[in-house]
N, C-alpha and C. Protein backbone atom coordinates (compact mmCIF):
# COMPACT_ATOMS: atom_id res chain seq x y z
N UNK A 1 3.67 -4.37 101.58
CA UNK A 1 2.97 -3.25 102.19
C UNK A 1 1.46 -3.32 101.92
N UNK A 2 1.11 -3.83 100.75
CA UNK A 2 -0.30 -3.94 100.37
C UNK A 2 -1.04 -4.90 101.29
N UNK A 3 -0.40 -6.01 101.67
CA UNK A 3 -1.02 -7.00 102.56
C UNK A 3 -1.30 -6.40 103.93
N UNK A 4 -0.40 -5.57 104.42
CA UNK A 4 -0.59 -4.92 105.72
C UNK A 4 -1.78 -3.98 105.66
N UNK A 5 -1.88 -3.22 104.57
CA UNK A 5 -3.00 -2.29 104.41
C UNK A 5 -4.32 -3.04 104.37
N UNK A 6 -4.37 -4.16 103.63
CA UNK A 6 -5.61 -4.93 103.53
C UNK A 6 -5.99 -5.53 104.87
N UNK A 7 -5.02 -6.04 105.62
CA UNK A 7 -5.35 -6.61 106.93
C UNK A 7 -5.79 -5.52 107.90
N UNK A 8 -5.18 -4.34 107.80
CA UNK A 8 -5.58 -3.22 108.66
C UNK A 8 -7.01 -2.81 108.34
N UNK A 9 -7.33 -2.74 107.06
CA UNK A 9 -8.70 -2.36 106.66
C UNK A 9 -9.71 -3.39 107.13
N UNK A 10 -9.35 -4.68 107.05
CA UNK A 10 -10.28 -5.71 107.49
C UNK A 10 -10.48 -5.65 109.00
N UNK A 11 -9.41 -5.32 109.74
CA UNK A 11 -9.53 -5.17 111.20
C UNK A 11 -10.45 -4.00 111.53
N UNK A 12 -10.29 -2.90 110.82
CA UNK A 12 -11.14 -1.73 111.06
C UNK A 12 -12.60 -2.06 110.74
N UNK A 13 -12.85 -2.77 109.63
CA UNK A 13 -14.21 -3.16 109.28
C UNK A 13 -14.82 -4.06 110.34
N UNK A 14 -14.02 -4.99 110.87
CA UNK A 14 -14.51 -5.88 111.93
C UNK A 14 -14.89 -5.09 113.18
N UNK A 15 -14.05 -4.13 113.54
CA UNK A 15 -14.34 -3.30 114.71
C UNK A 15 -15.61 -2.51 114.51
N UNK A 16 -15.77 -1.91 113.34
CA UNK A 16 -16.98 -1.14 113.05
C UNK A 16 -18.22 -2.02 113.09
N UNK A 17 -18.08 -3.24 112.54
CA UNK A 17 -19.21 -4.17 112.51
C UNK A 17 -19.61 -4.57 113.93
N UNK A 18 -18.63 -4.80 114.79
CA UNK A 18 -18.91 -5.25 116.15
C UNK A 18 -19.41 -4.12 117.03
N UNK A 19 -19.05 -2.90 116.72
CA UNK A 19 -19.47 -1.77 117.55
C UNK A 19 -20.67 -1.04 116.97
N UNK A 20 -21.23 -1.58 115.91
CA UNK A 20 -22.39 -0.95 115.27
C UNK A 20 -23.55 -0.90 116.25
N UNK A 21 -24.22 0.24 116.30
CA UNK A 21 -25.34 0.40 117.21
C UNK A 21 -26.56 -0.31 116.66
N UNK A 22 -27.25 -1.00 117.52
CA UNK A 22 -28.48 -1.69 117.12
C UNK A 22 -29.66 -0.92 117.72
N UNK A 23 -30.62 -0.59 116.88
CA UNK A 23 -31.79 0.15 117.32
C UNK A 23 -32.94 -0.82 117.55
N UNK A 24 -33.63 -0.66 118.68
CA UNK A 24 -34.81 -1.49 118.92
C UNK A 24 -36.01 -0.85 118.22
N UNK A 25 -37.13 -1.53 118.26
CA UNK A 25 -38.32 -1.07 117.52
C UNK A 25 -38.79 0.31 117.99
N UNK A 26 -38.75 0.54 119.30
CA UNK A 26 -39.22 1.83 119.82
C UNK A 26 -38.34 2.98 119.32
N UNK A 27 -37.03 2.74 119.27
CA UNK A 27 -36.13 3.79 118.79
C UNK A 27 -36.37 4.07 117.31
N UNK A 28 -36.57 3.03 116.52
CA UNK A 28 -36.83 3.20 115.10
C UNK A 28 -38.12 4.00 114.89
N UNK A 29 -39.15 3.65 115.65
CA UNK A 29 -40.43 4.36 115.52
C UNK A 29 -40.27 5.82 115.91
N UNK A 30 -39.55 6.08 116.99
CA UNK A 30 -39.32 7.46 117.44
C UNK A 30 -38.62 8.27 116.35
N UNK A 31 -37.60 7.68 115.73
CA UNK A 31 -36.84 8.38 114.69
C UNK A 31 -37.72 8.64 113.47
N UNK A 32 -38.48 7.64 113.05
CA UNK A 32 -39.35 7.81 111.87
C UNK A 32 -40.42 8.87 112.15
N UNK A 33 -41.02 8.82 113.33
CA UNK A 33 -42.05 9.82 113.67
C UNK A 33 -41.45 11.23 113.73
N UNK A 34 -40.25 11.33 114.23
CA UNK A 34 -39.57 12.64 114.26
C UNK A 34 -39.41 13.18 112.85
N UNK A 35 -39.06 12.30 111.92
CA UNK A 35 -38.93 12.73 110.53
C UNK A 35 -40.27 13.08 109.90
N UNK A 36 -41.32 12.36 110.28
CA UNK A 36 -42.65 12.64 109.73
C UNK A 36 -43.22 13.96 110.25
N UNK A 37 -42.82 14.34 111.47
CA UNK A 37 -43.29 15.62 112.02
C UNK A 37 -42.80 16.80 111.19
N UNK A 38 -41.61 16.66 110.60
CA UNK A 38 -41.10 17.71 109.74
C UNK A 38 -40.48 18.88 110.46
N UNK A 39 -40.24 18.76 111.75
CA UNK A 39 -39.64 19.86 112.51
C UNK A 39 -38.17 20.04 112.15
N UNK A 40 -37.52 18.98 111.73
CA UNK A 40 -36.12 19.04 111.31
C UNK A 40 -36.00 18.24 110.02
N UNK A 41 -34.96 18.53 109.25
CA UNK A 41 -34.78 17.80 108.00
C UNK A 41 -34.34 16.36 108.29
N UNK A 42 -34.58 15.51 107.34
CA UNK A 42 -34.19 14.10 107.49
C UNK A 42 -32.68 14.01 107.66
N UNK A 43 -31.95 14.83 106.92
CA UNK A 43 -30.48 14.83 107.02
C UNK A 43 -30.04 15.18 108.44
N UNK A 44 -30.68 16.17 109.06
CA UNK A 44 -30.34 16.57 110.43
C UNK A 44 -30.64 15.45 111.42
N UNK A 45 -31.79 14.83 111.27
CA UNK A 45 -32.19 13.74 112.17
C UNK A 45 -31.20 12.57 112.04
N UNK A 46 -30.86 12.22 110.81
CA UNK A 46 -29.93 11.10 110.59
C UNK A 46 -28.55 11.42 111.15
N UNK A 47 -28.11 12.65 110.98
CA UNK A 47 -26.81 13.05 111.52
C UNK A 47 -26.82 12.96 113.04
N UNK A 48 -27.92 13.44 113.64
CA UNK A 48 -28.04 13.42 115.11
C UNK A 48 -28.07 11.99 115.64
N UNK A 49 -28.77 11.09 114.94
CA UNK A 49 -28.93 9.70 115.39
C UNK A 49 -27.77 8.80 114.97
N UNK A 50 -26.94 9.30 114.04
CA UNK A 50 -25.80 8.51 113.59
C UNK A 50 -26.18 7.40 112.62
N UNK A 51 -27.18 7.66 111.79
CA UNK A 51 -27.59 6.67 110.79
C UNK A 51 -27.52 7.29 109.41
N UNK A 52 -27.50 6.45 108.40
CA UNK A 52 -27.49 6.91 107.02
C UNK A 52 -28.93 7.19 106.60
N UNK A 53 -29.10 8.13 105.68
CA UNK A 53 -30.46 8.47 105.23
C UNK A 53 -31.18 7.28 104.61
N UNK A 54 -30.45 6.42 103.91
CA UNK A 54 -31.11 5.25 103.31
C UNK A 54 -31.68 4.35 104.40
N UNK A 55 -31.00 4.29 105.56
CA UNK A 55 -31.52 3.49 106.68
C UNK A 55 -32.82 4.10 107.18
N UNK A 56 -32.85 5.43 107.31
CA UNK A 56 -34.07 6.11 107.75
C UNK A 56 -35.22 5.79 106.80
N UNK A 57 -34.96 5.90 105.49
CA UNK A 57 -36.03 5.70 104.52
C UNK A 57 -36.50 4.24 104.49
N UNK A 58 -35.61 3.29 104.73
CA UNK A 58 -36.06 1.89 104.77
C UNK A 58 -36.92 1.65 106.01
N UNK A 59 -36.54 2.25 107.15
CA UNK A 59 -37.37 2.13 108.36
C UNK A 59 -38.72 2.79 108.13
N UNK A 60 -38.72 3.94 107.49
CA UNK A 60 -39.95 4.66 107.22
C UNK A 60 -40.87 3.83 106.33
N UNK A 61 -40.30 3.20 105.31
CA UNK A 61 -41.10 2.37 104.40
C UNK A 61 -41.69 1.18 105.15
N UNK A 62 -40.88 0.51 105.99
CA UNK A 62 -41.38 -0.62 106.78
C UNK A 62 -42.50 -0.18 107.71
N UNK A 63 -42.32 0.99 108.33
CA UNK A 63 -43.31 1.54 109.25
C UNK A 63 -44.64 1.78 108.54
N UNK A 64 -44.57 2.38 107.36
CA UNK A 64 -45.79 2.67 106.60
C UNK A 64 -46.47 1.39 106.13
N UNK A 65 -45.68 0.41 105.69
CA UNK A 65 -46.27 -0.85 105.22
C UNK A 65 -46.93 -1.60 106.37
N UNK A 66 -46.31 -1.58 107.54
CA UNK A 66 -46.90 -2.25 108.70
C UNK A 66 -48.21 -1.56 109.10
N UNK A 67 -48.22 -0.24 109.04
CA UNK A 67 -49.44 0.50 109.35
C UNK A 67 -50.55 0.20 108.35
N UNK A 68 -50.19 0.12 107.09
CA UNK A 68 -51.17 -0.18 106.05
C UNK A 68 -51.75 -1.57 106.25
N UNK A 69 -50.89 -2.56 106.55
CA UNK A 69 -51.39 -3.92 106.79
C UNK A 69 -52.36 -3.94 107.97
N UNK A 70 -51.99 -3.24 109.02
CA UNK A 70 -52.81 -3.23 110.23
C UNK A 70 -54.17 -2.58 109.96
N UNK A 71 -54.17 -1.48 109.21
CA UNK A 71 -55.43 -0.80 108.89
C UNK A 71 -56.29 -1.63 107.94
N UNK A 72 -55.66 -2.49 107.14
CA UNK A 72 -56.40 -3.38 106.25
C UNK A 72 -56.99 -4.57 107.00
N UNK A 73 -56.70 -4.67 108.30
CA UNK A 73 -57.26 -5.75 109.11
C UNK A 73 -56.36 -6.95 109.27
N UNK A 74 -55.14 -6.86 108.79
CA UNK A 74 -54.19 -7.96 108.94
C UNK A 74 -53.62 -7.93 110.35
N UNK A 75 -54.06 -8.86 111.18
CA UNK A 75 -53.61 -8.87 112.57
C UNK A 75 -52.51 -9.89 112.83
N UNK A 76 -52.11 -10.62 111.78
CA UNK A 76 -51.03 -11.60 111.98
C UNK A 76 -49.72 -10.85 112.14
N UNK A 77 -48.80 -11.47 112.84
CA UNK A 77 -47.50 -10.84 113.03
C UNK A 77 -46.42 -11.89 112.88
N UNK A 78 -45.22 -11.43 112.64
CA UNK A 78 -44.10 -12.35 112.51
C UNK A 78 -43.56 -12.67 113.89
N UNK A 79 -43.05 -13.86 114.05
CA UNK A 79 -42.49 -14.27 115.33
C UNK A 79 -41.18 -13.53 115.58
N UNK A 80 -40.96 -13.18 116.85
CA UNK A 80 -39.69 -12.54 117.17
C UNK A 80 -38.63 -13.61 117.40
N UNK A 81 -37.38 -13.19 117.52
CA UNK A 81 -36.29 -14.16 117.59
C UNK A 81 -36.39 -15.04 118.84
N UNK A 82 -36.89 -14.51 119.94
CA UNK A 82 -37.05 -15.31 121.16
C UNK A 82 -38.05 -16.44 120.96
N UNK A 83 -39.14 -16.11 120.30
CA UNK A 83 -40.15 -17.13 120.02
C UNK A 83 -39.60 -18.20 119.08
N UNK A 84 -38.85 -17.77 118.08
CA UNK A 84 -38.27 -18.72 117.13
C UNK A 84 -37.29 -19.65 117.83
N UNK A 85 -36.44 -19.09 118.69
CA UNK A 85 -35.49 -19.92 119.43
C UNK A 85 -36.21 -20.94 120.31
N UNK A 86 -37.27 -20.50 120.97
CA UNK A 86 -38.05 -21.40 121.81
C UNK A 86 -38.68 -22.52 121.01
N UNK A 87 -39.22 -22.18 119.86
CA UNK A 87 -39.84 -23.20 119.00
C UNK A 87 -38.80 -24.17 118.45
N UNK A 88 -37.63 -23.65 118.09
CA UNK A 88 -36.57 -24.54 117.61
C UNK A 88 -36.11 -25.51 118.69
N UNK A 89 -36.03 -25.01 119.93
CA UNK A 89 -35.62 -25.86 121.05
C UNK A 89 -36.68 -26.94 121.30
N UNK A 90 -37.94 -26.54 121.28
CA UNK A 90 -39.02 -27.50 121.48
C UNK A 90 -39.04 -28.53 120.36
N UNK A 91 -38.81 -28.08 119.12
CA UNK A 91 -38.78 -28.98 117.98
C UNK A 91 -37.66 -30.02 118.13
N UNK A 92 -36.50 -29.58 118.57
CA UNK A 92 -35.38 -30.50 118.76
C UNK A 92 -35.70 -31.54 119.83
N UNK A 93 -36.32 -31.09 120.93
CA UNK A 93 -36.65 -32.05 121.98
C UNK A 93 -37.71 -33.05 121.52
N UNK A 94 -38.66 -32.58 120.72
CA UNK A 94 -39.68 -33.49 120.19
C UNK A 94 -39.07 -34.49 119.20
N UNK A 95 -38.11 -34.04 118.42
CA UNK A 95 -37.43 -34.96 117.50
C UNK A 95 -36.68 -36.03 118.29
N UNK A 96 -36.02 -35.62 119.37
CA UNK A 96 -35.33 -36.59 120.22
C UNK A 96 -36.31 -37.62 120.79
N UNK A 97 -37.47 -37.13 121.24
CA UNK A 97 -38.48 -38.02 121.80
C UNK A 97 -38.97 -39.03 120.76
N UNK A 98 -39.24 -38.54 119.55
CA UNK A 98 -39.69 -39.43 118.47
C UNK A 98 -38.61 -40.46 118.16
N UNK A 99 -37.35 -40.05 118.13
CA UNK A 99 -36.26 -40.99 117.85
C UNK A 99 -36.17 -42.05 118.94
N UNK A 100 -36.30 -41.64 120.21
CA UNK A 100 -36.27 -42.60 121.31
C UNK A 100 -37.42 -43.60 121.22
N UNK A 101 -38.61 -43.08 120.96
CA UNK A 101 -39.78 -43.95 120.87
C UNK A 101 -39.66 -44.90 119.68
N UNK A 102 -39.15 -44.43 118.56
CA UNK A 102 -38.97 -45.29 117.39
C UNK A 102 -38.00 -46.41 117.69
N UNK A 103 -36.93 -46.08 118.40
CA UNK A 103 -35.95 -47.10 118.78
C UNK A 103 -36.57 -48.14 119.70
N UNK A 104 -37.38 -47.69 120.65
CA UNK A 104 -38.04 -48.62 121.57
C UNK A 104 -39.01 -49.54 120.82
N UNK A 105 -39.72 -48.99 119.84
CA UNK A 105 -40.66 -49.79 119.04
C UNK A 105 -39.90 -50.86 118.27
N UNK A 106 -38.77 -50.49 117.69
CA UNK A 106 -37.98 -51.48 116.96
C UNK A 106 -37.48 -52.59 117.87
N UNK A 107 -37.03 -52.24 119.07
CA UNK A 107 -36.56 -53.25 120.02
C UNK A 107 -37.71 -54.17 120.41
N UNK A 108 -38.87 -53.60 120.68
CA UNK A 108 -40.03 -54.43 121.05
C UNK A 108 -40.44 -55.36 119.92
N UNK A 109 -40.39 -54.88 118.68
CA UNK A 109 -40.75 -55.72 117.54
C UNK A 109 -39.78 -56.90 117.42
N UNK A 110 -38.48 -56.61 117.61
CA UNK A 110 -37.48 -57.69 117.55
C UNK A 110 -37.71 -58.72 118.65
N UNK A 111 -38.05 -58.25 119.84
CA UNK A 111 -38.33 -59.15 120.96
C UNK A 111 -39.56 -60.00 120.69
N UNK A 112 -40.60 -59.41 120.08
CA UNK A 112 -41.80 -60.16 119.76
C UNK A 112 -41.51 -61.23 118.72
N UNK A 113 -40.69 -60.93 117.74
CA UNK A 113 -40.34 -61.93 116.72
C UNK A 113 -39.57 -63.08 117.34
N UNK A 114 -38.76 -62.79 118.35
CA UNK A 114 -38.00 -63.84 119.05
C UNK A 114 -38.88 -64.75 119.85
N UNK A 115 -40.04 -64.27 120.30
CA UNK A 115 -40.97 -65.07 121.10
C UNK A 115 -41.82 -66.00 120.23
N UNK A 116 -41.95 -65.70 118.98
CA UNK A 116 -42.82 -66.50 118.09
C UNK A 116 -42.26 -67.83 117.77
């Protein structure tokens, strides 16, 4: 009976993990700003949005740190996942090109040695 309970719990965890709502940057900013306005308590906002208070506070901390960096003149930004995927794809194609060219160079060197 214990094995059935454990497998049931793991199935439920998998379902929750797959159906978890993902918030984009604009939604996170909206929620943090709503909390900063102080019109409603953080607990009420989190309940309404379906997030845990610790999640709100981590978003709030990230928001404040990003603002502080920007005001300090730090204009660099981290690459988003689309940019990273594009760079990884380009890197792979360049590696393939280098491998092809290296192979051609080796073949040409062998041919030159045969002519000597």
